[in-house]
Amino acid sequence: QVQLVESGGGLVQAGGSLRLSCAVSGRTTRSWPMGWFRQAPGQEREFVARISEVDDSTIYADSVKGRFTVSRDNAKNTVLLQMDSLKPDDTAVYFCAAGRFGWSAPREYDFWGQGTQVTVSS
């Protein structure tokens, strides 16, 4: 059974930084692609970033490109999301996900964490 647990969310001022972690159990982070998504109140869940299980290549949503960085910590079996230059529009619950065929759509992922709240004040 794969379990994902996010941590690292919180309240930060605009322009600040946060680093989210996704601890994975039941499989290594190299088993499948790993994705980050976010969901703001009243909005659909949207893609943020993805890291390949094969070569660590990454893709990002246009809205976060150049500000967010997804990476992998193999020793801790975690996936990280470094978020810099945060904006109020980044406020959302952030989820990590794993899926054999995961790319940028939520339906492509099989396992999800419970989410961690990120709030960016102006």
Protein backbone atom coordinates (compact mmCIF):
# COMPACT_ATOMS: atom_id res chain seq x y z
CA GLN A 1 0.00 0.00 0.00
CA VAL A 2 1.43 3.34 -1.04
CA GLN A 3 1.08 6.20 1.42
CA LEU A 4 1.98 9.83 0.85
CA VAL A 5 2.24 12.39 3.64
CA GLU A 6 2.80 16.08 2.91
CA SER A 7 4.27 18.56 5.34
CA GLY A 8 5.79 22.02 5.36
CA GLY A 9 2.79 24.19 4.64
CA GLY A 10 2.02 27.35 6.56
CA LEU A 11 1.44 31.08 6.44
CA VAL A 12 3.98 33.27 4.63
CA GLN A 13 4.09 36.82 3.35
CA ALA A 14 4.17 37.55 -0.36
CA GLY A 15 7.68 37.23 -1.68
CA GLY A 16 8.60 34.62 0.90
CA SER A 17 9.48 30.95 0.55
CA LEU A 18 8.27 27.58 1.76
CA ARG A 19 9.49 24.05 1.17
CA LEU A 20 6.96 21.25 1.06
CA SER A 21 7.90 17.63 1.63
CA CYS A 22 6.09 14.48 0.57
CA ALA A 23 7.15 11.37 2.47
CA VAL A 24 6.49 8.18 0.55
CA SER A 25 6.03 4.70 2.02
CA GLY A 26 5.21 1.44 0.34
CA ARG A 27 7.30 2.26 -2.72
CA THR A 28 10.38 4.27 -3.49
CA THR A 29 9.99 7.68 -5.05
CA ARG A 30 11.71 6.24 -8.11
CA SER A 31 8.94 3.71 -8.73
CA TRP A 32 6.61 6.13 -10.51
CA PRO A 33 6.40 9.74 -11.63
CA MET A 34 5.63 12.08 -8.73
CA GLY A 35 3.43 15.12 -9.07
CA TRP A 36 2.40 18.17 -7.06
CA PHE A 37 -1.05 19.67 -7.40
CA ARG A 38 -2.94 22.41 -5.62
CA GLN A 39 -6.56 23.28 -4.99
CA ALA A 40 -7.89 26.65 -3.92
CA PRO A 41 -11.38 27.02 -2.40
CA GLY A 42 -14.04 26.66 -5.06
CA GLN A 43 -11.48 25.76 -7.70
CA GLU A 44 -10.56 22.54 -9.44
CA ARG A 45 -7.37 20.75 -8.53
CA GLU A 46 -4.60 22.02 -10.79
CA PHE A 47 -1.21 20.74 -11.81
CA VAL A 48 1.88 22.37 -10.30
CA ALA A 49 4.93 20.21 -11.05
CA ARG A 50 6.10 16.71 -11.94
CA ILE A 51 9.37 14.84 -11.61
CA SER A 52 10.20 11.82 -13.72
CA GLU A 53 11.12 8.52 -12.11
CA VAL A 54 13.52 7.77 -14.95
CA ASP A 55 15.83 10.76 -15.24
CA ASP A 56 14.56 13.37 -12.76
CA SER A 57 13.40 15.57 -15.60
CA THR A 58 10.80 18.09 -14.49
CA ILE A 59 7.85 20.02 -15.88
CA TYR A 60 5.98 22.92 -14.32
CA ALA A 61 2.76 24.83 -14.72
CA ASP A 62 3.35 28.18 -16.41
CA SER A 63 2.07 29.95 -13.30
CA VAL A 64 4.93 28.62 -11.14
CA LYS A 65 7.74 28.23 -13.68
CA GLY A 66 10.89 29.95 -12.49
CA ARG A 67 9.62 30.19 -8.89
CA PHE A 68 9.00 26.56 -7.84
CA THR A 69 11.44 23.64 -7.98
CA VAL A 70 10.56 19.97 -7.56
CA SER A 71 13.26 17.53 -6.50
CA ARG A 72 13.82 14.18 -4.92
CA ASP A 73 15.63 13.16 -1.71
CA ASN A 74 16.40 9.50 -2.27
CA ALA A 75 17.91 8.98 1.17
CA LYS A 76 14.66 10.03 2.85
CA ASN A 77 12.36 8.67 0.13
CA THR A 78 10.72 12.07 -0.16
CA VAL A 79 9.80 14.49 -2.91
CA LEU A 80 10.29 18.19 -2.27
CA LEU A 81 8.67 21.32 -3.63
CA GLN A 82 10.68 24.48 -3.06
CA MET A 83 8.46 27.51 -3.48
CA ASP A 84 10.06 30.93 -3.81
CA SER A 85 8.71 34.39 -4.59
CA LEU A 86 5.30 33.30 -3.35
CA LYS A 87 2.23 35.26 -4.35
CA PRO A 88 -1.24 35.47 -2.79
CA ASP A 89 -2.53 33.53 -5.83
CA ASP A 90 -0.42 30.57 -4.68
CA THR A 91 -2.71 30.14 -1.67
CA ALA A 92 -4.18 26.63 -1.81
CA VAL A 93 -4.04 23.15 -0.36
CA TYR A 94 -1.05 21.41 -1.93
CA PHE A 95 -1.12 17.68 -2.66
CA CYS A 96 1.54 15.25 -3.78
CA ALA A 97 0.61 12.29 -5.94
CA ALA A 98 2.11 9.15 -7.43
CA GLY A 99 0.98 7.27 -10.48
CA ARG A 100 2.44 4.84 -12.98
CA PHE A 101 1.30 7.00 -15.88
CA GLY A 102 1.22 10.31 -14.08
CA TRP A 103 1.78 13.40 -16.12
CA SER A 104 -0.17 16.66 -15.61
CA ALA A 105 -3.77 15.57 -15.09
CA PRO A 106 -5.09 14.51 -11.68
CA ARG A 107 -6.84 11.47 -13.19
CA GLU A 108 -3.45 10.07 -14.20
CA TYR A 109 -2.37 9.61 -10.59
CA ASP A 110 -3.34 6.68 -8.38
CA PHE A 111 -2.21 7.70 -4.91
CA TRP A 112 -2.62 11.01 -3.09
CA GLY A 113 -1.57 12.58 0.15
CA GLN A 114 -3.96 14.39 2.48
CA GLY A 115 -2.68 17.83 1.51
CA THR A 116 -1.00 20.69 3.31
CA GLN A 117 -2.33 24.25 3.47
CA VAL A 118 -0.24 27.09 2.04
CA THR A 119 -1.45 30.62 2.70
CA VAL A 120 0.32 33.64 1.22
CA SER A 121 -0.63 37.01 2.66
CA SER A 122 -0.32 40.25 0.70
